[in-house]
Amino acid sequence: MSIDPRVALSSLTTALEEHLIAASNRRGDGDPSVEAAFFAVADAFEVYEDALYEAYNEVTPLQVFDDEDEEDEEADVDDDEDLEIVEE
């Protein structure tokens, strides 16, 4: 079952608004309401991106990074630090 991109966009907008509210009411680092809102935005974005692609064969210029992406980036940085440049 495909989702109408307009419905998915509306859900994404709502998730972004809820994230703003949670962030503005933050009660310290690691506030669970901010974390939940963060993941709701990521999930809503992925649904919107899929719906947009399915309906119009189009994507946005945005990308959601997950923990695996961060770990990969950290590994790349570590690998770069291990490289030694040898000039001849």
PDB file of N, CA and C in Angstrom:
ATOM      1  N   MET A   1       0.848  -1.173   0.000  1.00  0.00           N
ATOM      2  CA  MET A   1       0.000   0.000   0.000  1.00  0.00           C
ATOM      3  C   MET A   1       0.889   1.231   0.000  1.00  0.00           C
ATOM      4  N   SER A   2       0.659   2.106  -0.942  1.00  0.00           N
ATOM      5  CA  SER A   2       1.467   3.317  -1.009  1.00  0.00           C
ATOM      6  C   SER A   2       0.789   4.448  -0.243  1.00  0.00           C
ATOM      7  N   ILE A   3       1.605   5.339   0.261  1.00  0.00           N
ATOM      8  CA  ILE A   3       1.123   6.483   1.022  1.00  0.00           C
ATOM      9  C   ILE A   3       1.181   7.718   0.130  1.00  0.00           C
ATOM     10  N   ASP A   4       0.162   8.527   0.186  1.00  0.00           N
ATOM     11  CA  ASP A   4       0.140   9.785  -0.549  1.00  0.00           C
ATOM     12  C   ASP A   4       1.248  10.677  -0.004  1.00  0.00           C
ATOM     13  N   PRO A   5       2.118  11.209  -0.880  1.00  0.00           N
ATOM     14  CA  PRO A   5       3.202  12.062  -0.411  1.00  0.00           C
ATOM     15  C   PRO A   5       2.713  13.275   0.391  1.00  0.00           C
ATOM     16  N   ARG A   6       1.529  13.781   0.081  1.00  0.00           N
ATOM     17  CA  ARG A   6       1.000  14.926   0.838  1.00  0.00           C
ATOM     18  C   ARG A   6       0.676  14.543   2.277  1.00  0.00           C
ATOM     19  N   VAL A   7       0.168  13.340   2.461  1.00  0.00           N
ATOM     20  CA  VAL A   7      -0.120  12.845   3.812  1.00  0.00           C
ATOM     21  C   VAL A   7       1.190  12.636   4.566  1.00  0.00           C
ATOM     22  N   ALA A   8       2.179  12.054   3.895  1.00  0.00           N
ATOM     23  CA  ALA A   8       3.480  11.833   4.520  1.00  0.00           C
ATOM     24  C   ALA A   8       4.153  13.165   4.867  1.00  0.00           C
ATOM     25  N   LEU A   9       4.021  14.156   3.999  1.00  0.00           N
ATOM     26  CA  LEU A   9       4.583  15.480   4.271  1.00  0.00           C
ATOM     27  C   LEU A   9       3.907  16.121   5.475  1.00  0.00           C
ATOM     28  N   SER A  10       2.626  15.967   5.569  1.00  0.00           N
ATOM     29  CA  SER A  10       1.895  16.492   6.723  1.00  0.00           C
ATOM     30  C   SER A  10       2.374  15.839   8.017  1.00  0.00           C
ATOM     31  N   SER A  11       2.600  14.545   7.985  1.00  0.00           N
ATOM     32  CA  SER A  11       3.119  13.828   9.156  1.00  0.00           C
ATOM     33  C   SER A  11       4.526  14.304   9.513  1.00  0.00           C
ATOM     34  N   LEU A  12       5.343  14.554   8.501  1.00  0.00           N
ATOM     35  CA  LEU A  12       6.696  15.059   8.733  1.00  0.00           C
ATOM     36  C   LEU A  12       6.650  16.447   9.357  1.00  0.00           C
ATOM     37  N   THR A  13       5.792  17.296   8.852  1.00  0.00           N
ATOM     38  CA  THR A  13       5.652  18.650   9.401  1.00  0.00           C
ATOM     39  C   THR A  13       5.218  18.593  10.860  1.00  0.00           C
ATOM     40  N   THR A  14       4.273  17.732  11.148  1.00  0.00           N
ATOM     41  CA  THR A  14       3.810  17.568  12.528  1.00  0.00           C
ATOM     42  C   THR A  14       4.947  17.074  13.422  1.00  0.00           C
ATOM     43  N   ALA A  15       5.717  16.119  12.933  1.00  0.00           N
ATOM     44  CA  ALA A  15       6.841  15.590  13.712  1.00  0.00           C
ATOM     45  C   ALA A  15       7.885  16.675  13.977  1.00  0.00           C
ATOM     46  N   LEU A  16       8.137  17.523  12.984  1.00  0.00           N
ATOM     47  CA  LEU A  16       9.083  18.624  13.174  1.00  0.00           C
ATOM     48  C   LEU A  16       8.572  19.621  14.217  1.00  0.00           C
ATOM     49  N   GLU A  17       7.281  19.922  14.173  1.00  0.00           N
ATOM     50  CA  GLU A  17       6.700  20.834  15.162  1.00  0.00           C
ATOM     51  C   GLU A  17       6.787  20.247  16.565  1.00  0.00           C
ATOM     52  N   GLU A  18       6.528  18.950  16.691  1.00  0.00           N
ATOM     53  CA  GLU A  18       6.606  18.293  17.995  1.00  0.00           C
ATOM     54  C   GLU A  18       8.051  18.258  18.503  1.00  0.00           C
ATOM     55  N   HIS A  19       8.994  18.121  17.593  1.00  0.00           N
ATOM     56  CA  HIS A  19      10.402  18.150  17.981  1.00  0.00           C
ATOM     57  C   HIS A  19      10.781  19.532  18.511  1.00  0.00           C
ATOM     58  N   LEU A  20      10.304  20.568  17.853  1.00  0.00           N
ATOM     59  CA  LEU A  20      10.575  21.932  18.316  1.00  0.00           C
ATOM     60  C   LEU A  20      10.007  22.151  19.720  1.00  0.00           C
ATOM     61  N   ILE A  21       8.803  21.693  19.936  1.00  0.00           N
ATOM     62  CA  ILE A  21       8.179  21.831  21.266  1.00  0.00           C
ATOM     63  C   ILE A  21       8.996  21.067  22.312  1.00  0.00           C
ATOM     64  N   ALA A  22       9.391  19.836  21.987  1.00  0.00           N
ATOM     65  CA  ALA A  22      10.172  19.034  22.936  1.00  0.00           C
ATOM     66  C   ALA A  22      11.518  19.692  23.219  1.00  0.00           C
ATOM     67  N   ALA A  23      12.169  20.202  22.184  1.00  0.00           N
ATOM     68  CA  ALA A  23      13.471  20.844  22.366  1.00  0.00           C
ATOM     69  C   ALA A  23      13.345  22.113  23.208  1.00  0.00           C
ATOM     70  N   SER A  24      12.282  22.864  22.999  1.00  0.00           N
ATOM     71  CA  SER A  24      12.122  24.107  23.763  1.00  0.00           C
ATOM     72  C   SER A  24      11.737  23.849  25.217  1.00  0.00           C
ATOM     73  N   ASN A  25      11.238  22.652  25.507  1.00  0.00           N
ATOM     74  CA  ASN A  25      10.873  22.278  26.875  1.00  0.00           C
ATOM     75  C   ASN A  25      11.868  21.293  27.490  1.00  0.00           C
ATOM     76  N   ARG A  26      13.022  21.171  26.877  1.00  0.00           N
ATOM     77  CA  ARG A  26      14.043  20.207  27.315  1.00  0.00           C
ATOM     78  C   ARG A  26      14.356  20.366  28.797  1.00  0.00           C
ATOM     79  N   ARG A  27      14.475  19.228  29.459  1.00  0.00           N
ATOM     80  CA  ARG A  27      14.808  19.214  30.889  1.00  0.00           C
ATOM     81  C   ARG A  27      16.182  18.596  31.113  1.00  0.00           C
ATOM     82  N   GLY A  28      17.157  19.035  30.338  1.00  0.00           N
ATOM     83  CA  GLY A  28      18.524  18.543  30.487  1.00  0.00           C
ATOM     84  C   GLY A  28      18.931  17.618  29.362  1.00  0.00           C
ATOM     85  N   ASP A  29      20.217  17.279  29.383  1.00  0.00           N
ATOM     86  CA  ASP A  29      20.756  16.359  28.371  1.00  0.00           C
ATOM     87  C   ASP A  29      20.086  15.002  28.487  1.00  0.00           C
ATOM     88  N   GLY A  30      19.834  14.388  27.353  1.00  0.00           N
ATOM     89  CA  GLY A  30      19.236  13.059  27.344  1.00  0.00           C
ATOM     90  C   GLY A  30      17.769  13.037  27.687  1.00  0.00           C
ATOM     91  N   ASP A  31      17.087  14.173  27.518  1.00  0.00           N
ATOM     92  CA  ASP A  31      15.650  14.235  27.800  1.00  0.00           C
ATOM     93  C   ASP A  31      14.934  13.235  26.891  1.00  0.00           C
ATOM     94  N   PRO A  32      14.210  12.271  27.459  1.00  0.00           N
ATOM     95  CA  PRO A  32      13.572  11.241  26.639  1.00  0.00           C
ATOM     96  C   PRO A  32      12.520  11.782  25.665  1.00  0.00           C
ATOM     97  N   SER A  33      11.875  12.888  26.009  1.00  0.00           N
ATOM     98  CA  SER A  33      10.876  13.433  25.083  1.00  0.00           C
ATOM     99  C   SER A  33      11.552  14.018  23.842  1.00  0.00           C
ATOM    100  N   VAL A  34      12.733  14.599  24.011  1.00  0.00           N
ATOM    101  CA  VAL A  34      13.471  15.136  22.857  1.00  0.00           C
ATOM    102  C   VAL A  34      13.975  13.979  21.998  1.00  0.00           C
ATOM    103  N   GLU A  35      14.470  12.947  22.650  1.00  0.00           N
ATOM    104  CA  GLU A  35      14.960  11.786  21.910  1.00  0.00           C
ATOM    105  C   GLU A  35      13.825  11.128  21.119  1.00  0.00           C
ATOM    106  N   ALA A  36      12.674  10.978  21.740  1.00  0.00           N
ATOM    107  CA  ALA A  36      11.522  10.378  21.048  1.00  0.00           C
ATOM    108  C   ALA A  36      11.101  11.242  19.866  1.00  0.00           C
ATOM    109  N   ALA A  37      11.095  12.554  20.060  1.00  0.00           N
ATOM    110  CA  ALA A  37      10.719  13.466  18.978  1.00  0.00           C
ATOM    111  C   ALA A  37      11.737  13.404  17.847  1.00  0.00           C
ATOM    112  N   PHE A  38      13.003  13.278  18.192  1.00  0.00           N
ATOM    113  CA  PHE A  38      14.078  13.156  17.201  1.00  0.00           C
ATOM    114  C   PHE A  38      13.833  11.952  16.295  1.00  0.00           C
ATOM    115  N   PHE A  39      13.566  10.803  16.914  1.00  0.00           N
ATOM    116  CA  PHE A  39      13.343   9.590  16.134  1.00  0.00           C
ATOM    117  C   PHE A  39      12.031   9.652  15.351  1.00  0.00           C
ATOM    118  N   ALA A  40      11.044  10.353  15.879  1.00  0.00           N
ATOM    119  CA  ALA A  40       9.781  10.522  15.145  1.00  0.00           C
ATOM    120  C   ALA A  40      10.011  11.326  13.870  1.00  0.00           C
ATOM    121  N   VAL A  41      10.869  12.350  13.951  1.00  0.00           N
ATOM    122  CA  VAL A  41      11.204  13.135  12.747  1.00  0.00           C
ATOM    123  C   VAL A  41      11.910  12.242  11.739  1.00  0.00           C
ATOM    124  N   ALA A  42      12.885  11.469  12.189  1.00  0.00           N
ATOM    125  CA  ALA A  42      13.624  10.588  11.280  1.00  0.00           C
ATOM    126  C   ALA A  42      12.698   9.578  10.607  1.00  0.00           C
ATOM    127  N   ASP A  43      11.812   8.978  11.385  1.00  0.00           N
ATOM    128  CA  ASP A  43      10.879   8.002  10.823  1.00  0.00           C
ATOM    129  C   ASP A  43       9.918   8.652   9.833  1.00  0.00           C
ATOM    130  N   ALA A  44       9.375   9.815  10.194  1.00  0.00           N
ATOM    131  CA  ALA A  44       8.433  10.514   9.312  1.00  0.00           C
ATOM    132  C   ALA A  44       9.121  10.944   8.023  1.00  0.00           C
ATOM    133  N   PHE A  45      10.377  11.353   8.134  1.00  0.00           N
ATOM    134  CA  PHE A  45      11.113  11.745   6.931  1.00  0.00           C
ATOM    135  C   PHE A  45      11.293  10.564   5.996  1.00  0.00           C
ATOM    136  N   GLU A  46      11.653   9.414   6.542  1.00  0.00           N
ATOM    137  CA  GLU A  46      11.851   8.241   5.691  1.00  0.00           C
ATOM    138  C   GLU A  46      10.558   7.828   4.991  1.00  0.00           C
ATOM    139  N   VAL A  47       9.440   7.924   5.691  1.00  0.00           N
ATOM    140  CA  VAL A  47       8.148   7.611   5.073  1.00  0.00           C
ATOM    141  C   VAL A  47       7.863   8.597   3.941  1.00  0.00           C
ATOM    142  N   TYR A  48       8.120   9.885   4.198  1.00  0.00           N
ATOM    143  CA  TYR A  48       7.904  10.904   3.165  1.00  0.00           C
ATOM    144  C   TYR A  48       8.808  10.660   1.961  1.00  0.00           C
ATOM    145  N   GLU A  49      10.076  10.393   2.214  1.00  0.00           N
ATOM    146  CA  GLU A  49      11.028  10.160   1.125  1.00  0.00           C
ATOM    147  C   GLU A  49      10.598   8.962   0.282  1.00  0.00           C
ATOM    148  N   ASP A  50      10.168   7.888   0.929  1.00  0.00           N
ATOM    149  CA  ASP A  50       9.703   6.705   0.199  1.00  0.00           C
ATOM    150  C   ASP A  50       8.449   7.009  -0.614  1.00  0.00           C
ATOM    151  N   ALA A  51       7.511   7.734  -0.017  1.00  0.00           N
ATOM    152  CA  ALA A  51       6.272   8.077  -0.715  1.00  0.00           C
ATOM    153  C   ALA A  51       6.551   8.976  -1.908  1.00  0.00           C
ATOM    154  N   LEU A  52       7.449   9.939  -1.721  1.00  0.00           N
ATOM    155  CA  LEU A  52       7.817  10.851  -2.805  1.00  0.00           C
ATOM    156  C   LEU A  52       8.460  10.089  -3.958  1.00  0.00           C
ATOM    157  N   TYR A  53       9.339   9.175  -3.628  1.00  0.00           N
ATOM    158  CA  TYR A  53      10.010   8.394  -4.661  1.00  0.00           C
ATOM    159  C   TYR A  53       9.033   7.478  -5.387  1.00  0.00           C
ATOM    160  N   GLU A  54       8.177   6.828  -4.613  1.00  0.00           N
ATOM    161  CA  GLU A  54       7.221   5.905  -5.224  1.00  0.00           C
ATOM    162  C   GLU A  54       6.243   6.630  -6.148  1.00  0.00           C
ATOM    163  N   ALA A  55       5.797   7.808  -5.733  1.00  0.00           N
ATOM    164  CA  ALA A  55       4.799   8.538  -6.520  1.00  0.00           C
ATOM    165  C   ALA A  55       5.403   9.291  -7.707  1.00  0.00           C
ATOM    166  N   TYR A  56       6.586   9.874  -7.509  1.00  0.00           N
ATOM    167  CA  TYR A  56       7.134  10.784  -8.523  1.00  0.00           C
ATOM    168  C   TYR A  56       8.559  10.460  -8.956  1.00  0.00           C
ATOM    169  N   ASN A  57       9.113   9.363  -8.443  1.00  0.00           N
ATOM    170  CA  ASN A  57      10.490   9.015  -8.759  1.00  0.00           C
ATOM    171  C   ASN A  57      11.432  10.179  -8.434  1.00  0.00           C
ATOM    172  N   GLU A  58      11.208  10.793  -7.281  1.00  0.00           N
ATOM    173  CA  GLU A  58      11.955  11.973  -6.851  1.00  0.00           C
ATOM    174  C   GLU A  58      12.398  11.794  -5.405  1.00  0.00           C
ATOM    175  N   VAL A  59      13.492  12.448  -5.033  1.00  0.00           N
ATOM    176  CA  VAL A  59      14.010  12.410  -3.668  1.00  0.00           C
ATOM    177  C   VAL A  59      14.282  13.839  -3.202  1.00  0.00           C
ATOM    178  N   THR A  60      14.555  13.981  -1.915  1.00  0.00           N
ATOM    179  CA  THR A  60      14.931  15.276  -1.353  1.00  0.00           C
ATOM    180  C   THR A  60      16.458  15.357  -1.271  1.00  0.00           C
ATOM    181  N   PRO A  61      16.993  16.538  -1.013  1.00  0.00           N
ATOM    182  CA  PRO A  61      18.445  16.656  -0.842  1.00  0.00           C
ATOM    183  C   PRO A  61      18.887  16.364   0.592  1.00  0.00           C
ATOM    184  N   LEU A  62      18.017  15.746   1.377  1.00  0.00           N
ATOM    185  CA  LEU A  62      18.293  15.497   2.791  1.00  0.00           C
ATOM    186  C   LEU A  62      18.622  14.033   3.022  1.00  0.00           C
ATOM    187  N   GLN A  63      19.334  13.773   4.125  1.00  0.00           N
ATOM    188  CA  GLN A  63      19.696  12.403   4.456  1.00  0.00           C
ATOM    189  C   GLN A  63      19.628  12.232   5.965  1.00  0.00           C
ATOM    190  N   VAL A  64      19.100  11.085   6.409  1.00  0.00           N
ATOM    191  CA  VAL A  64      19.048  10.765   7.835  1.00  0.00           C
ATOM    192  C   VAL A  64      20.259   9.905   8.156  1.00  0.00           C
ATOM    193  N   PHE A  65      21.024  10.332   9.147  1.00  0.00           N
ATOM    194  CA  PHE A  65      22.172   9.558   9.601  1.00  0.00           C
ATOM    195  C   PHE A  65      21.758   8.755  10.819  1.00  0.00           C
ATOM    196  N   ASP A  66      22.167   7.508  10.854  1.00  0.00           N
ATOM    197  CA  ASP A  66      21.886   6.693  12.034  1.00  0.00           C
ATOM    198  C   ASP A  66      23.194   6.378  12.743  1.00  0.00           C
ATOM    199  N   ASP A  67      23.118   5.646  13.832  1.00  0.00           N
ATOM    200  CA  ASP A  67      24.305   5.331  14.615  1.00  0.00           C
ATOM    201  C   ASP A  67      25.355   4.594  13.791  1.00  0.00           C
ATOM    202  N   GLU A  68      24.926   3.736  12.885  1.00  0.00           N
ATOM    203  CA  GLU A  68      25.869   2.999  12.053  1.00  0.00           C
ATOM    204  C   GLU A  68      26.658   3.950  11.168  1.00  0.00           C
ATOM    205  N   ASP A  69      25.984   4.988  10.627  1.00  0.00           N
ATOM    206  CA  ASP A  69      26.675   5.970   9.797  1.00  0.00           C
ATOM    207  C   ASP A  69      27.724   6.715  10.609  1.00  0.00           C
ATOM    208  N   GLU A  70      27.385   7.072  11.846  1.00  0.00           N
ATOM    209  CA  GLU A  70      28.334   7.764  12.718  1.00  0.00           C
ATOM    210  C   GLU A  70      29.531   6.880  13.024  1.00  0.00           C
ATOM    211  N   GLU A  71      29.286   5.600  13.277  1.00  0.00           N
ATOM    212  CA  GLU A  71      30.376   4.675  13.552  1.00  0.00           C
ATOM    213  C   GLU A  71      31.275   4.529  12.330  1.00  0.00           C
ATOM    214  N   ASP A  72      30.674   4.474  11.129  1.00  0.00           N
ATOM    215  CA  ASP A  72      31.446   4.381   9.896  1.00  0.00           C
ATOM    216  C   ASP A  72      32.313   5.620   9.708  1.00  0.00           C
ATOM    217  N   GLU A  73      31.744   6.812   9.980  1.00  0.00           N
ATOM    218  CA  GLU A  73      32.497   8.052   9.845  1.00  0.00           C
ATOM    219  C   GLU A  73      33.652   8.087  10.833  1.00  0.00           C
ATOM    220  N   GLU A  74      33.418   7.639  12.068  1.00  0.00           N
ATOM    221  CA  GLU A  74      34.478   7.604  13.067  1.00  0.00           C
ATOM    222  C   GLU A  74      35.574   6.637  12.630  1.00  0.00           C
ATOM    223  N   ALA A  75      35.202   5.510  12.063  1.00  0.00           N
ATOM    224  CA  ALA A  75      36.184   4.544  11.591  1.00  0.00           C
ATOM    225  C   ALA A  75      36.996   5.137  10.456  1.00  0.00           C
ATOM    226  N   ASP A  76      36.343   5.878   9.551  1.00  0.00           N
ATOM    227  CA  ASP A  76      37.055   6.521   8.452  1.00  0.00           C
ATOM    228  C   ASP A  76      38.064   7.528   8.984  1.00  0.00           C
ATOM    229  N   VAL A  77      37.690   8.295   9.986  1.00  0.00           N
ATOM    230  CA  VAL A  77      38.602   9.266  10.574  1.00  0.00           C
ATOM    231  C   VAL A  77      39.777   8.544  11.215  1.00  0.00           C
ATOM    232  N   ASP A  78      39.492   7.474  11.944  1.00  0.00           N
ATOM    233  CA  ASP A  78      40.558   6.694  12.566  1.00  0.00           C
ATOM    234  C   ASP A  78      41.495   6.123  11.512  1.00  0.00           C
ATOM    235  N   ASP A  79      40.933   5.632  10.397  1.00  0.00           N
ATOM    236  CA  ASP A  79      41.752   5.079   9.324  1.00  0.00           C
ATOM    237  C   ASP A  79      42.636   6.162   8.720  1.00  0.00           C
ATOM    238  N   ASP A  80      42.087   7.356   8.528  1.00  0.00           N
ATOM    239  CA  ASP A  80      42.852   8.461   7.962  1.00  0.00           C
ATOM    240  C   ASP A  80      44.001   8.862   8.883  1.00  0.00           C
ATOM    241  N   GLU A  81      43.771   8.799  10.180  1.00  0.00           N
ATOM    242  CA  GLU A  81      44.822   9.151  11.128  1.00  0.00           C
ATOM    243  C   GLU A  81      45.949   8.135  11.094  1.00  0.00           C
ATOM    244  N   ASP A  82      45.640   6.890  10.719  1.00  0.00           N
ATOM    245  CA  ASP A  82      46.643   5.840  10.677  1.00  0.00           C
ATOM    246  C   ASP A  82      47.481   5.895   9.403  1.00  0.00           C
ATOM    247  N   LEU A  83      47.035   6.651   8.411  1.00  0.00           N
ATOM    248  CA  LEU A  83      47.772   6.727   7.157  1.00  0.00           C
ATOM    249  C   LEU A  83      49.030   7.561   7.337  1.00  0.00           C
ATOM    250  N   GLU A  84      50.067   7.132   6.707  1.00  0.00           N
ATOM    251  CA  GLU A  84      51.318   7.883   6.775  1.00  0.00           C
ATOM    252  C   GLU A  84      51.668   8.316   5.361  1.00  0.00           C
ATOM    253  N   ILE A  85      51.982   9.561   5.197  1.00  0.00           N
ATOM    254  CA  ILE A  85      52.332  10.081   3.886  1.00  0.00           C
ATOM    255  C   ILE A  85      53.837   9.972   3.738  1.00  0.00           C
ATOM    256  N   VAL A  86      54.234   9.316   2.680  1.00  0.00           N
ATOM    257  CA  VAL A  86      55.657   9.131   2.415  1.00  0.00           C
ATOM    258  C   VAL A  86      55.981   9.859   1.108  1.00  0.00           C
ATOM    259  N   GLU A  87      56.874  10.794   1.197  1.00  0.00           N
ATOM    260  CA  GLU A  87      57.297  11.515  -0.011  1.00  0.00           C
ATOM    261  C   GLU A  87      58.605  10.935  -0.497  1.00  0.00           C
ATOM    262  N   GLU A  88      58.685  10.763  -1.779  1.00  0.00           N
ATOM    263  CA  GLU A  88      59.910  10.184  -2.337  1.00  0.00           C
ATOM    264  C   GLU A  88      60.756  11.234  -2.979  1.00  0.00           C
TER     265      GLU A  88
END
